[in-house]
């Protein structure tokens, strides 16, 4: 029996594998990757590698075994039919008779187009008969803290979220929740609404950046149309820019406030504060 992590060299998947190594022997972990070379560091630690691609169903033939616990990290190729990609993995898991399949979804409160693929994948998974866990991950700190260059250059946080608030947490926090499910018991056929302990606004985010940098950084709210134009002007493909602007509109409506406390309960610790994530990003 293995714990199998798809997308294992991605931002979230790599966190999951590293945290799993703290809890289970390396030879019980299988990292599913598209490029073996990118997982050389994991292989060096004794993690088993499997090369497979969501876009090539045959690569998942025989990959899983009965009794495996699987983390399906949602794909990020918005233009390649993510539901079909995820279904490839679910079908392979069902054929193998895995013990559990956890899927990284989105909060049930989110109505933006970004959530459509997640809702459809959840339907496929629940209907498959495979024992499942829905990890409905909220927003990541890193969605903002990894994009600080233009903010610092222009002295402004520009978003289309109005006065909306976000219950974000770090990737490491969400990874810890996945590890708790993959290594624990009693999670079958459950859904967890995951978000940070403290919700924050973009005005508060700008104030925190100002405090830590010693510079005046303001929050400039704009319309979703203007924000879409800013993103496309920066080279973001128009369909993806519309998705991001749609998320901001959802934030303004309060759809990314996740007050359940599920994330800190699963991990057994408080979630990472935004201020800590900002400090880490500024150091790097």
C-alpha atoms as a PDB file:
ATOM      1  CA  UNK A   1       0.000   0.000   0.000  1.00  0.00           C
ATOM      2  CA  UNK A   2       1.310   3.410  -1.014  1.00  0.00           C
ATOM      3  CA  UNK A   3       0.344   6.986  -0.415  1.00  0.00           C
ATOM      4  CA  UNK A   4       0.250   8.384  -3.933  1.00  0.00           C
ATOM      5  CA  UNK A   5       0.478  12.121  -4.666  1.00  0.00           C
ATOM      6  CA  UNK A   6      -0.269  13.424  -8.148  1.00  0.00           C
ATOM      7  CA  UNK A   7       1.240  16.685  -9.343  1.00  0.00           C
ATOM      8  CA  UNK A   8       4.032  15.979  -6.877  1.00  0.00           C
ATOM      9  CA  UNK A   9       6.482  18.546  -8.266  1.00  0.00           C
ATOM     10  CA  UNK A  10       3.919  21.349  -8.240  1.00  0.00           C
ATOM     11  CA  UNK A  11       3.798  23.995  -5.529  1.00  0.00           C
ATOM     12  CA  UNK A  12       1.279  22.168  -3.333  1.00  0.00           C
ATOM     13  CA  UNK A  13       2.257  18.592  -4.201  1.00  0.00           C
ATOM     14  CA  UNK A  14       5.884  19.112  -3.260  1.00  0.00           C
ATOM     15  CA  UNK A  15       4.816  20.454   0.149  1.00  0.00           C
ATOM     16  CA  UNK A  16       2.656  17.371   0.650  1.00  0.00           C
ATOM     17  CA  UNK A  17       5.444  14.926  -0.208  1.00  0.00           C
ATOM     18  CA  UNK A  18       7.948  16.692   2.041  1.00  0.00           C
ATOM     19  CA  UNK A  19       5.531  16.631   4.960  1.00  0.00           C
ATOM     20  CA  UNK A  20       4.644  12.991   4.324  1.00  0.00           C
ATOM     21  CA  UNK A  21       8.339  12.154   4.628  1.00  0.00           C
ATOM     22  CA  UNK A  22       8.144  13.368   8.232  1.00  0.00           C
ATOM     23  CA  UNK A  23       5.423  10.820   9.031  1.00  0.00           C
ATOM     24  CA  UNK A  24       5.841   7.681   6.896  1.00  0.00           C
ATOM     25  CA  UNK A  25       8.757   5.766   5.354  1.00  0.00           C
ATOM     26  CA  UNK A  26       9.846   7.101   1.977  1.00  0.00           C
ATOM     27  CA  UNK A  27       9.242   3.769   0.240  1.00  0.00           C
ATOM     28  CA  UNK A  28       5.543   4.047   1.088  1.00  0.00           C
ATOM     29  CA  UNK A  29       5.242   7.315  -0.882  1.00  0.00           C
ATOM     30  CA  UNK A  30       4.742   7.445  -4.634  1.00  0.00           C
ATOM     31  CA  UNK A  31       5.162  10.803  -6.366  1.00  0.00           C
ATOM     32  CA  UNK A  32       3.351  11.059  -9.696  1.00  0.00           C
ATOM     33  CA  UNK A  33       5.194  13.462 -11.995  1.00  0.00           C
ATOM     34  CA  UNK A  34       5.355  14.382 -15.651  1.00  0.00           C
ATOM     35  CA  UNK A  35       9.102  15.004 -15.646  1.00  0.00           C
ATOM     36  CA  UNK A  36      11.247  12.569 -13.672  1.00  0.00           C
ATOM     37  CA  UNK A  37      14.193  14.969 -13.647  1.00  0.00           C
ATOM     38  CA  UNK A  38      12.184  17.580 -11.727  1.00  0.00           C
ATOM     39  CA  UNK A  39      11.651  15.033  -8.949  1.00  0.00           C
ATOM     40  CA  UNK A  40      15.303  14.059  -8.567  1.00  0.00           C
ATOM     41  CA  UNK A  41      15.397  15.540  -5.060  1.00  0.00           C
ATOM     42  CA  UNK A  42      12.427  13.402  -4.010  1.00  0.00           C
ATOM     43  CA  UNK A  43      13.913  10.263  -5.516  1.00  0.00           C
ATOM     44  CA  UNK A  44      17.156  10.964  -3.670  1.00  0.00           C
ATOM     45  CA  UNK A  45      15.182  10.794  -0.417  1.00  0.00           C
ATOM     46  CA  UNK A  46      13.800   7.367  -1.337  1.00  0.00           C
ATOM     47  CA  UNK A  47      10.413   8.407  -2.698  1.00  0.00           C
ATOM     48  CA  UNK A  48       9.158   6.185  -5.513  1.00  0.00           C
ATOM     49  CA  UNK A  49       8.441   8.004  -8.768  1.00  0.00           C
ATOM     50  CA  UNK A  50       5.731   7.274 -11.332  1.00  0.00           C
ATOM     51  CA  UNK A  51       5.646   9.193 -14.603  1.00  0.00           C
ATOM     52  CA  UNK A  52       2.124  10.004 -15.767  1.00  0.00           C
ATOM     53  CA  UNK A  53       0.189  12.833 -17.386  1.00  0.00           C
ATOM     54  CA  UNK A  54      -3.455  13.810 -16.877  1.00  0.00           C
ATOM     55  CA  UNK A  55      -3.654  14.278 -20.661  1.00  0.00           C
ATOM     56  CA  UNK A  56      -2.532  10.700 -21.382  1.00  0.00           C
ATOM     57  CA  UNK A  57      -4.970   8.242 -19.745  1.00  0.00           C
ATOM     58  CA  UNK A  58      -2.846   5.219 -20.624  1.00  0.00           C
ATOM     59  CA  UNK A  59      -0.057   6.485 -18.370  1.00  0.00           C
ATOM     60  CA  UNK A  60      -2.268   5.805 -15.346  1.00  0.00           C
ATOM     61  CA  UNK A  61      -2.871   2.158 -16.277  1.00  0.00           C
ATOM     62  CA  UNK A  62      -1.566   0.036 -13.421  1.00  0.00           C
ATOM     63  CA  UNK A  63      -0.226   3.041 -11.539  1.00  0.00           C
ATOM     64  CA  UNK A  64      -2.459   2.543  -8.478  1.00  0.00           C
ATOM     65  CA  UNK A  65      -2.877  -0.611  -6.394  1.00  0.00           C
ATOM     66  CA  UNK A  66      -5.613  -1.890  -4.133  1.00  0.00           C
ATOM     67  CA  UNK A  67      -5.447  -0.205  -0.753  1.00  0.00           C
ATOM     68  CA  UNK A  68      -3.542   2.879  -1.940  1.00  0.00           C
ATOM     69  CA  UNK A  69      -4.404   6.279  -0.564  1.00  0.00           C
ATOM     70  CA  UNK A  70      -4.314   8.889  -3.305  1.00  0.00           C
ATOM     71  CA  UNK A  71      -4.144  12.680  -3.334  1.00  0.00           C
ATOM     72  CA  UNK A  72      -5.450  14.083  -6.614  1.00  0.00           C
ATOM     73  CA  UNK A  73      -4.035  17.586  -6.852  1.00  0.00           C
ATOM     74  CA  UNK A  74      -6.261  19.509  -9.250  1.00  0.00           C
ATOM     75  CA  UNK A  75      -4.698  20.407 -12.583  1.00  0.00           C
ATOM     76  CA  UNK A  76      -3.846  23.986 -13.517  1.00  0.00           C
ATOM     77  CA  UNK A  77      -4.303  23.733 -17.284  1.00  0.00           C
ATOM     78  CA  UNK A  78      -7.558  25.656 -17.525  1.00  0.00           C
ATOM     79  CA  UNK A  79      -7.667  25.304 -21.310  1.00  0.00           C
ATOM     80  CA  UNK A  80      -7.335  21.492 -21.443  1.00  0.00           C
ATOM     81  CA  UNK A  81     -10.550  20.293 -19.848  1.00  0.00           C
ATOM     82  CA  UNK A  82      -9.643  19.805 -16.215  1.00  0.00           C
ATOM     83  CA  UNK A  83     -12.708  17.701 -15.413  1.00  0.00           C
ATOM     84  CA  UNK A  84     -11.671  15.183 -18.057  1.00  0.00           C
ATOM     85  CA  UNK A  85      -8.125  15.187 -16.715  1.00  0.00           C
ATOM     86  CA  UNK A  86      -9.314  14.521 -13.183  1.00  0.00           C
ATOM     87  CA  UNK A  87     -11.707  11.817 -14.378  1.00  0.00           C
ATOM     88  CA  UNK A  88      -8.732   9.931 -15.850  1.00  0.00           C
ATOM     89  CA  UNK A  89      -7.260   9.666 -12.358  1.00  0.00           C
ATOM     90  CA  UNK A  90     -10.566   8.825 -10.679  1.00  0.00           C
ATOM     91  CA  UNK A  91     -11.291   6.059 -13.185  1.00  0.00           C
ATOM     92  CA  UNK A  92      -7.841   4.543 -12.710  1.00  0.00           C
ATOM     93  CA  UNK A  93      -8.240   4.699  -8.932  1.00  0.00           C
ATOM     94  CA  UNK A  94     -11.608   2.972  -9.148  1.00  0.00           C
ATOM     95  CA  UNK A  95     -10.242   0.175 -11.335  1.00  0.00           C
ATOM     96  CA  UNK A  96      -7.426  -0.427  -8.845  1.00  0.00           C
ATOM     97  CA  UNK A  97      -9.644  -0.437  -5.775  1.00  0.00           C
ATOM     98  CA  UNK A  98      -7.852   2.310  -3.868  1.00  0.00           C
ATOM     99  CA  UNK A  99      -8.784   2.794  -0.224  1.00  0.00           C
ATOM    100  CA  UNK A 100      -9.171   6.582  -0.417  1.00  0.00           C
ATOM    101  CA  UNK A 101      -8.965   9.395  -2.948  1.00  0.00           C
ATOM    102  CA  UNK A 102      -8.629  12.940  -1.643  1.00  0.00           C
ATOM    103  CA  UNK A 103      -9.215  15.778  -4.095  1.00  0.00           C
ATOM    104  CA  UNK A 104      -8.076  19.395  -3.754  1.00  0.00           C
ATOM    105  CA  UNK A 105     -11.240  21.321  -4.549  1.00  0.00           C
ATOM    106  CA  UNK A 106     -12.550  24.833  -3.814  1.00  0.00           C
ATOM    107  CA  UNK A 107     -14.815  26.175  -1.056  1.00  0.00           C
ATOM    108  CA  UNK A 108     -18.489  25.379  -1.568  1.00  0.00           C
ATOM    109  CA  UNK A 109     -19.234  29.087  -1.082  1.00  0.00           C
ATOM    110  CA  UNK A 110     -17.271  30.044  -4.215  1.00  0.00           C
ATOM    111  CA  UNK A 111     -19.505  30.641  -7.241  1.00  0.00           C
ATOM    112  CA  UNK A 112     -16.861  32.128  -9.555  1.00  0.00           C
ATOM    113  CA  UNK A 113     -16.075  30.306 -12.794  1.00  0.00           C
ATOM    114  CA  UNK A 114     -12.887  28.997 -11.181  1.00  0.00           C
ATOM    115  CA  UNK A 115     -15.041  26.668  -9.078  1.00  0.00           C
ATOM    116  CA  UNK A 116     -16.977  25.118 -11.969  1.00  0.00           C
ATOM    117  CA  UNK A 117     -14.386  22.442 -12.737  1.00  0.00           C
ATOM    118  CA  UNK A 118     -14.083  21.634  -9.055  1.00  0.00           C
ATOM    119  CA  UNK A 119     -17.821  21.158  -8.602  1.00  0.00           C
ATOM    120  CA  UNK A 120     -17.974  18.938 -11.685  1.00  0.00           C
ATOM    121  CA  UNK A 121     -14.993  16.871 -10.513  1.00  0.00           C
ATOM    122  CA  UNK A 122     -16.606  16.430  -7.109  1.00  0.00           C
ATOM    123  CA  UNK A 123     -19.698  15.022  -8.825  1.00  0.00           C
ATOM    124  CA  UNK A 124     -17.583  12.527 -10.763  1.00  0.00           C
ATOM    125  CA  UNK A 125     -15.683  11.485  -7.646  1.00  0.00           C
ATOM    126  CA  UNK A 126     -18.706  11.110  -5.384  1.00  0.00           C
ATOM    127  CA  UNK A 127     -20.526   9.182  -8.100  1.00  0.00           C
ATOM    128  CA  UNK A 128     -17.583   6.846  -8.713  1.00  0.00           C
ATOM    129  CA  UNK A 129     -18.038   4.837  -5.539  1.00  0.00           C
ATOM    130  CA  UNK A 130     -14.412   5.392  -4.565  1.00  0.00           C
ATOM    131  CA  UNK A 131     -14.046   6.365  -0.881  1.00  0.00           C
ATOM    132  CA  UNK A 132     -13.326  10.082  -1.106  1.00  0.00           C
ATOM    133  CA  UNK A 133     -12.349  13.194   0.785  1.00  0.00           C
ATOM    134  CA  UNK A 134     -13.086  16.655  -0.583  1.00  0.00           C
ATOM    135  CA  UNK A 135     -10.380  19.072   0.521  1.00  0.00           C
ATOM    136  CA  UNK A 136     -12.069  22.354  -0.376  1.00  0.00           C
ATOM    137  CA  UNK A 137      -9.006  24.571  -0.210  1.00  0.00           C
ATOM    138  CA  UNK A 138      -9.492  28.287   0.158  1.00  0.00           C
ATOM    139  CA  UNK A 139      -7.160  30.895  -1.251  1.00  0.00           C
ATOM    140  CA  UNK A 140      -3.392  30.726  -0.760  1.00  0.00           C
ATOM    141  CA  UNK A 141      -1.285  33.522   0.772  1.00  0.00           C
ATOM    142  CA  UNK A 142       1.175  32.850  -2.034  1.00  0.00           C
ATOM    143  CA  UNK A 143      -1.346  33.971  -4.657  1.00  0.00           C
ATOM    144  CA  UNK A 144      -0.390  37.460  -3.492  1.00  0.00           C
ATOM    145  CA  UNK A 145       2.945  37.201  -1.690  1.00  0.00           C
ATOM    146  CA  UNK A 146       4.604  35.651  -4.743  1.00  0.00           C
ATOM    147  CA  UNK A 147       3.486  38.629  -6.843  1.00  0.00           C
ATOM    148  CA  UNK A 148       5.041  41.433  -4.832  1.00  0.00           C
ATOM    149  CA  UNK A 149       7.353  42.888  -7.499  1.00  0.00           C
ATOM    150  CA  UNK A 150       4.728  45.056  -9.258  1.00  0.00           C
ATOM    151  CA  UNK A 151       3.158  46.005  -5.925  1.00  0.00           C
ATOM    152  CA  UNK A 152       6.463  47.264  -4.589  1.00  0.00           C
ATOM    153  CA  UNK A 153       7.344  48.918  -7.896  1.00  0.00           C
ATOM    154  CA  UNK A 154       4.122  50.925  -8.061  1.00  0.00           C
ATOM    155  CA  UNK A 155       3.431  51.276  -4.352  1.00  0.00           C
ATOM    156  CA  UNK A 156      -0.085  49.955  -4.765  1.00  0.00           C
ATOM    157  CA  UNK A 157      -2.155  46.828  -4.266  1.00  0.00           C
ATOM    158  CA  UNK A 158      -4.596  46.823  -7.170  1.00  0.00           C
ATOM    159  CA  UNK A 159      -7.549  44.417  -6.987  1.00  0.00           C
ATOM    160  CA  UNK A 160     -11.230  44.305  -7.945  1.00  0.00           C
ATOM    161  CA  UNK A 161     -12.365  42.981  -4.581  1.00  0.00           C
ATOM    162  CA  UNK A 162     -13.782  46.113  -2.995  1.00  0.00           C
ATOM    163  CA  UNK A 163     -13.855  45.740   0.782  1.00  0.00           C
ATOM    164  CA  UNK A 164     -14.157  41.934   0.599  1.00  0.00           C
ATOM    165  CA  UNK A 165     -12.187  39.701   2.918  1.00  0.00           C
ATOM    166  CA  UNK A 166     -10.159  36.534   2.309  1.00  0.00           C
ATOM    167  CA  UNK A 167      -9.538  33.576   4.655  1.00  0.00           C
ATOM    168  CA  UNK A 168      -6.244  32.615   3.060  1.00  0.00           C
ATOM    169  CA  UNK A 169      -3.575  30.293   4.433  1.00  0.00           C
ATOM    170  CA  UNK A 170      -0.190  29.072   3.278  1.00  0.00           C
ATOM    171  CA  UNK A 171       0.372  26.189   0.891  1.00  0.00           C
ATOM    172  CA  UNK A 172       2.141  24.428   3.731  1.00  0.00           C
ATOM    173  CA  UNK A 173      -1.038  24.698   5.818  1.00  0.00           C
ATOM    174  CA  UNK A 174      -3.194  23.114   3.121  1.00  0.00           C
ATOM    175  CA  UNK A 175      -0.540  20.457   2.554  1.00  0.00           C
ATOM    176  CA  UNK A 176      -0.616  19.606   6.255  1.00  0.00           C
ATOM    177  CA  UNK A 177      -4.381  19.071   6.031  1.00  0.00           C
ATOM    178  CA  UNK A 178      -3.893  16.701   3.103  1.00  0.00           C
ATOM    179  CA  UNK A 179      -1.226  14.794   5.026  1.00  0.00           C
ATOM    180  CA  UNK A 180      -3.525  14.498   8.039  1.00  0.00           C
ATOM    181  CA  UNK A 181      -6.216  12.936   5.838  1.00  0.00           C
ATOM    182  CA  UNK A 182      -3.814  10.637   3.969  1.00  0.00           C
ATOM    183  CA  UNK A 183      -2.216   9.308   7.149  1.00  0.00           C
ATOM    184  CA  UNK A 184      -5.229   9.412   9.477  1.00  0.00           C
ATOM    185  CA  UNK A 185      -8.454   7.492   9.914  1.00  0.00           C
ATOM    186  CA  UNK A 186     -12.132   8.268   9.739  1.00  0.00           C
ATOM    187  CA  UNK A 187     -12.077  10.771   6.879  1.00  0.00           C
ATOM    188  CA  UNK A 188     -13.877   8.677   4.263  1.00  0.00           C
ATOM    189  CA  UNK A 189     -16.677  10.388   2.337  1.00  0.00           C
ATOM    190  CA  UNK A 190     -16.252  13.714   4.091  1.00  0.00           C
ATOM    191  CA  UNK A 191     -15.853  17.267   2.827  1.00  0.00           C
ATOM    192  CA  UNK A 192     -13.697  19.818   4.621  1.00  0.00           C
ATOM    193  CA  UNK A 193     -14.074  23.572   4.079  1.00  0.00           C
ATOM    194  CA  UNK A 194     -10.525  24.852   4.504  1.00  0.00           C
ATOM    195  CA  UNK A 195      -9.361  28.396   5.090  1.00  0.00           C
ATOM    196  CA  UNK A 196      -7.166  30.518   7.319  1.00  0.00           C
ATOM    197  CA  UNK A 197      -8.094  31.359  10.888  1.00  0.00           C
ATOM    198  CA  UNK A 198      -8.178  35.114  10.221  1.00  0.00           C
ATOM    199  CA  UNK A 199      -9.831  36.795   7.252  1.00  0.00           C
ATOM    200  CA  UNK A 200      -8.244  39.987   5.954  1.00  0.00           C
ATOM    201  CA  UNK A 201      -9.049  42.769   3.494  1.00  0.00           C
ATOM    202  CA  UNK A 202      -6.803  44.165   0.792  1.00  0.00           C
ATOM    203  CA  UNK A 203      -6.611  47.474   2.658  1.00  0.00           C
ATOM    204  CA  UNK A 204      -5.225  45.517   5.618  1.00  0.00           C
ATOM    205  CA  UNK A 205      -2.852  43.660   3.299  1.00  0.00           C
ATOM    206  CA  UNK A 206      -1.544  46.970   1.911  1.00  0.00           C
ATOM    207  CA  UNK A 207      -1.143  48.290   5.457  1.00  0.00           C
ATOM    208  CA  UNK A 208       0.867  45.191   6.435  1.00  0.00           C
ATOM    209  CA  UNK A 209       3.119  45.627   3.397  1.00  0.00           C
ATOM    210  CA  UNK A 210       3.605  49.280   4.362  1.00  0.00           C
ATOM    211  CA  UNK A 211       4.485  48.306   7.921  1.00  0.00           C
ATOM    212  CA  UNK A 212       7.034  45.702   6.917  1.00  0.00           C
ATOM    213  CA  UNK A 213       8.675  47.653   4.088  1.00  0.00           C
ATOM    214  CA  UNK A 214       8.563  51.088   5.646  1.00  0.00           C
ATOM    215  CA  UNK A 215       7.035  52.377   2.418  1.00  0.00           C
ATOM    216  CA  UNK A 216       3.619  53.837   1.711  1.00  0.00           C
ATOM    217  CA  UNK A 217       1.638  51.168  -0.132  1.00  0.00           C
ATOM    218  CA  UNK A 218      -2.035  51.866  -0.774  1.00  0.00           C
ATOM    219  CA  UNK A 219      -4.915  49.666  -1.784  1.00  0.00           C
ATOM    220  CA  UNK A 220      -6.474  50.791  -5.060  1.00  0.00           C
ATOM    221  CA  UNK A 221      -9.806  49.077  -5.747  1.00  0.00           C
ATOM    222  CA  UNK A 222     -10.853  48.936  -9.397  1.00  0.00           C
ATOM    223  CA  UNK A 223     -13.731  47.456 -11.371  1.00  0.00           C
ATOM    224  CA  UNK A 224     -13.578  43.872 -12.600  1.00  0.00           C
ATOM    225  CA  UNK A 225     -13.431  45.209 -16.170  1.00  0.00           C
ATOM    226  CA  UNK A 226     -10.491  47.454 -15.337  1.00  0.00           C
ATOM    227  CA  UNK A 227      -8.740  44.638 -13.500  1.00  0.00           C
ATOM    228  CA  UNK A 228      -9.211  42.297 -16.451  1.00  0.00           C
ATOM    229  CA  UNK A 229      -7.636  44.946 -18.666  1.00  0.00           C
ATOM    230  CA  UNK A 230      -4.687  45.359 -16.283  1.00  0.00           C
ATOM    231  CA  UNK A 231      -4.057  41.616 -16.290  1.00  0.00           C
ATOM    232  CA  UNK A 232      -4.288  41.234 -20.066  1.00  0.00           C
ATOM    233  CA  UNK A 233      -2.018  44.249 -20.434  1.00  0.00           C
ATOM    234  CA  UNK A 234       0.516  42.413 -18.285  1.00  0.00           C
ATOM    235  CA  UNK A 235       0.376  39.426 -20.626  1.00  0.00           C
ATOM    236  CA  UNK A 236      -2.185  37.207 -18.882  1.00  0.00           C
ATOM    237  CA  UNK A 237      -4.335  35.400 -21.494  1.00  0.00           C
ATOM    238  CA  UNK A 238      -7.805  36.951 -21.657  1.00  0.00           C
ATOM    239  CA  UNK A 239      -9.744  33.837 -20.519  1.00  0.00           C
ATOM    240  CA  UNK A 240      -7.480  33.447 -17.494  1.00  0.00           C
ATOM    241  CA  UNK A 241      -7.669  37.167 -16.707  1.00  0.00           C
ATOM    242  CA  UNK A 242     -11.454  36.883 -16.642  1.00  0.00           C
ATOM    243  CA  UNK A 243     -11.199  33.942 -14.229  1.00  0.00           C
ATOM    244  CA  UNK A 244      -8.972  35.955 -11.860  1.00  0.00           C
ATOM    245  CA  UNK A 245     -11.246  38.982 -12.070  1.00  0.00           C
ATOM    246  CA  UNK A 246     -14.193  36.716 -11.338  1.00  0.00           C
ATOM    247  CA  UNK A 247     -12.474  35.521  -8.170  1.00  0.00           C
ATOM    248  CA  UNK A 248     -12.051  39.133  -7.051  1.00  0.00           C
ATOM    249  CA  UNK A 249     -15.746  39.730  -7.631  1.00  0.00           C
ATOM    250  CA  UNK A 250     -16.448  36.668  -5.491  1.00  0.00           C
ATOM    251  CA  UNK A 251     -14.151  38.009  -2.765  1.00  0.00           C
ATOM    252  CA  UNK A 252     -16.132  41.247  -2.723  1.00  0.00           C
ATOM    253  CA  UNK A 253     -19.245  39.148  -2.098  1.00  0.00           C
ATOM    254  CA  UNK A 254     -17.575  37.345   0.805  1.00  0.00           C
ATOM    255  CA  UNK A 255     -17.285  33.989  -0.963  1.00  0.00           C
ATOM    256  CA  UNK A 256     -13.697  33.339   0.129  1.00  0.00           C
ATOM    257  CA  UNK A 257     -14.333  33.841   3.813  1.00  0.00           C
ATOM    258  CA  UNK A 258     -14.176  30.323   5.267  1.00  0.00           C
ATOM    259  CA  UNK A 259     -15.091  30.448   8.967  1.00  0.00           C
ATOM    260  CA  UNK A 260     -15.303  26.701   9.689  1.00  0.00           C
ATOM    261  CA  UNK A 261     -11.967  26.214  11.451  1.00  0.00           C
ATOM    262  CA  UNK A 262     -11.582  22.889   9.592  1.00  0.00           C
ATOM    263  CA  UNK A 263      -8.024  23.654   8.494  1.00  0.00           C
ATOM    264  CA  UNK A 264      -6.593  24.306  11.941  1.00  0.00           C
ATOM    265  CA  UNK A 265      -8.537  21.360  13.376  1.00  0.00           C
ATOM    266  CA  UNK A 266      -7.161  18.961  10.766  1.00  0.00           C
ATOM    267  CA  UNK A 267      -3.586  20.166  11.199  1.00  0.00           C
ATOM    268  CA  UNK A 268      -3.755  20.530  14.974  1.00  0.00           C
ATOM    269  CA  UNK A 269      -2.262  24.023  14.911  1.00  0.00           C
ATOM    270  CA  UNK A 270      -3.181  27.612  14.002  1.00  0.00           C
ATOM    271  CA  UNK A 271      -2.873  28.556  10.346  1.00  0.00           C
ATOM    272  CA  UNK A 272       0.015  30.703   9.159  1.00  0.00           C
ATOM    273  CA  UNK A 273      -0.744  34.427   9.650  1.00  0.00           C
ATOM    274  CA  UNK A 274      -0.650  36.647   6.577  1.00  0.00           C
ATOM    275  CA  UNK A 275       1.990  38.836   8.230  1.00  0.00           C
ATOM    276  CA  UNK A 276       4.318  35.832   8.519  1.00  0.00           C
ATOM    277  CA  UNK A 277       3.825  34.994   4.841  1.00  0.00           C
ATOM    278  CA  UNK A 278       4.553  38.596   3.872  1.00  0.00           C
ATOM    279  CA  UNK A 279       7.761  38.600   5.952  1.00  0.00           C
ATOM    280  CA  UNK A 280       8.918  35.355   4.333  1.00  0.00           C
ATOM    281  CA  UNK A 281       8.220  36.701   0.846  1.00  0.00           C
ATOM    282  CA  UNK A 282      10.075  39.941   1.493  1.00  0.00           C
ATOM    283  CA  UNK A 283      13.125  37.989   2.703  1.00  0.00           C
ATOM    284  CA  UNK A 284      13.274  36.052  -0.540  1.00  0.00           C
END
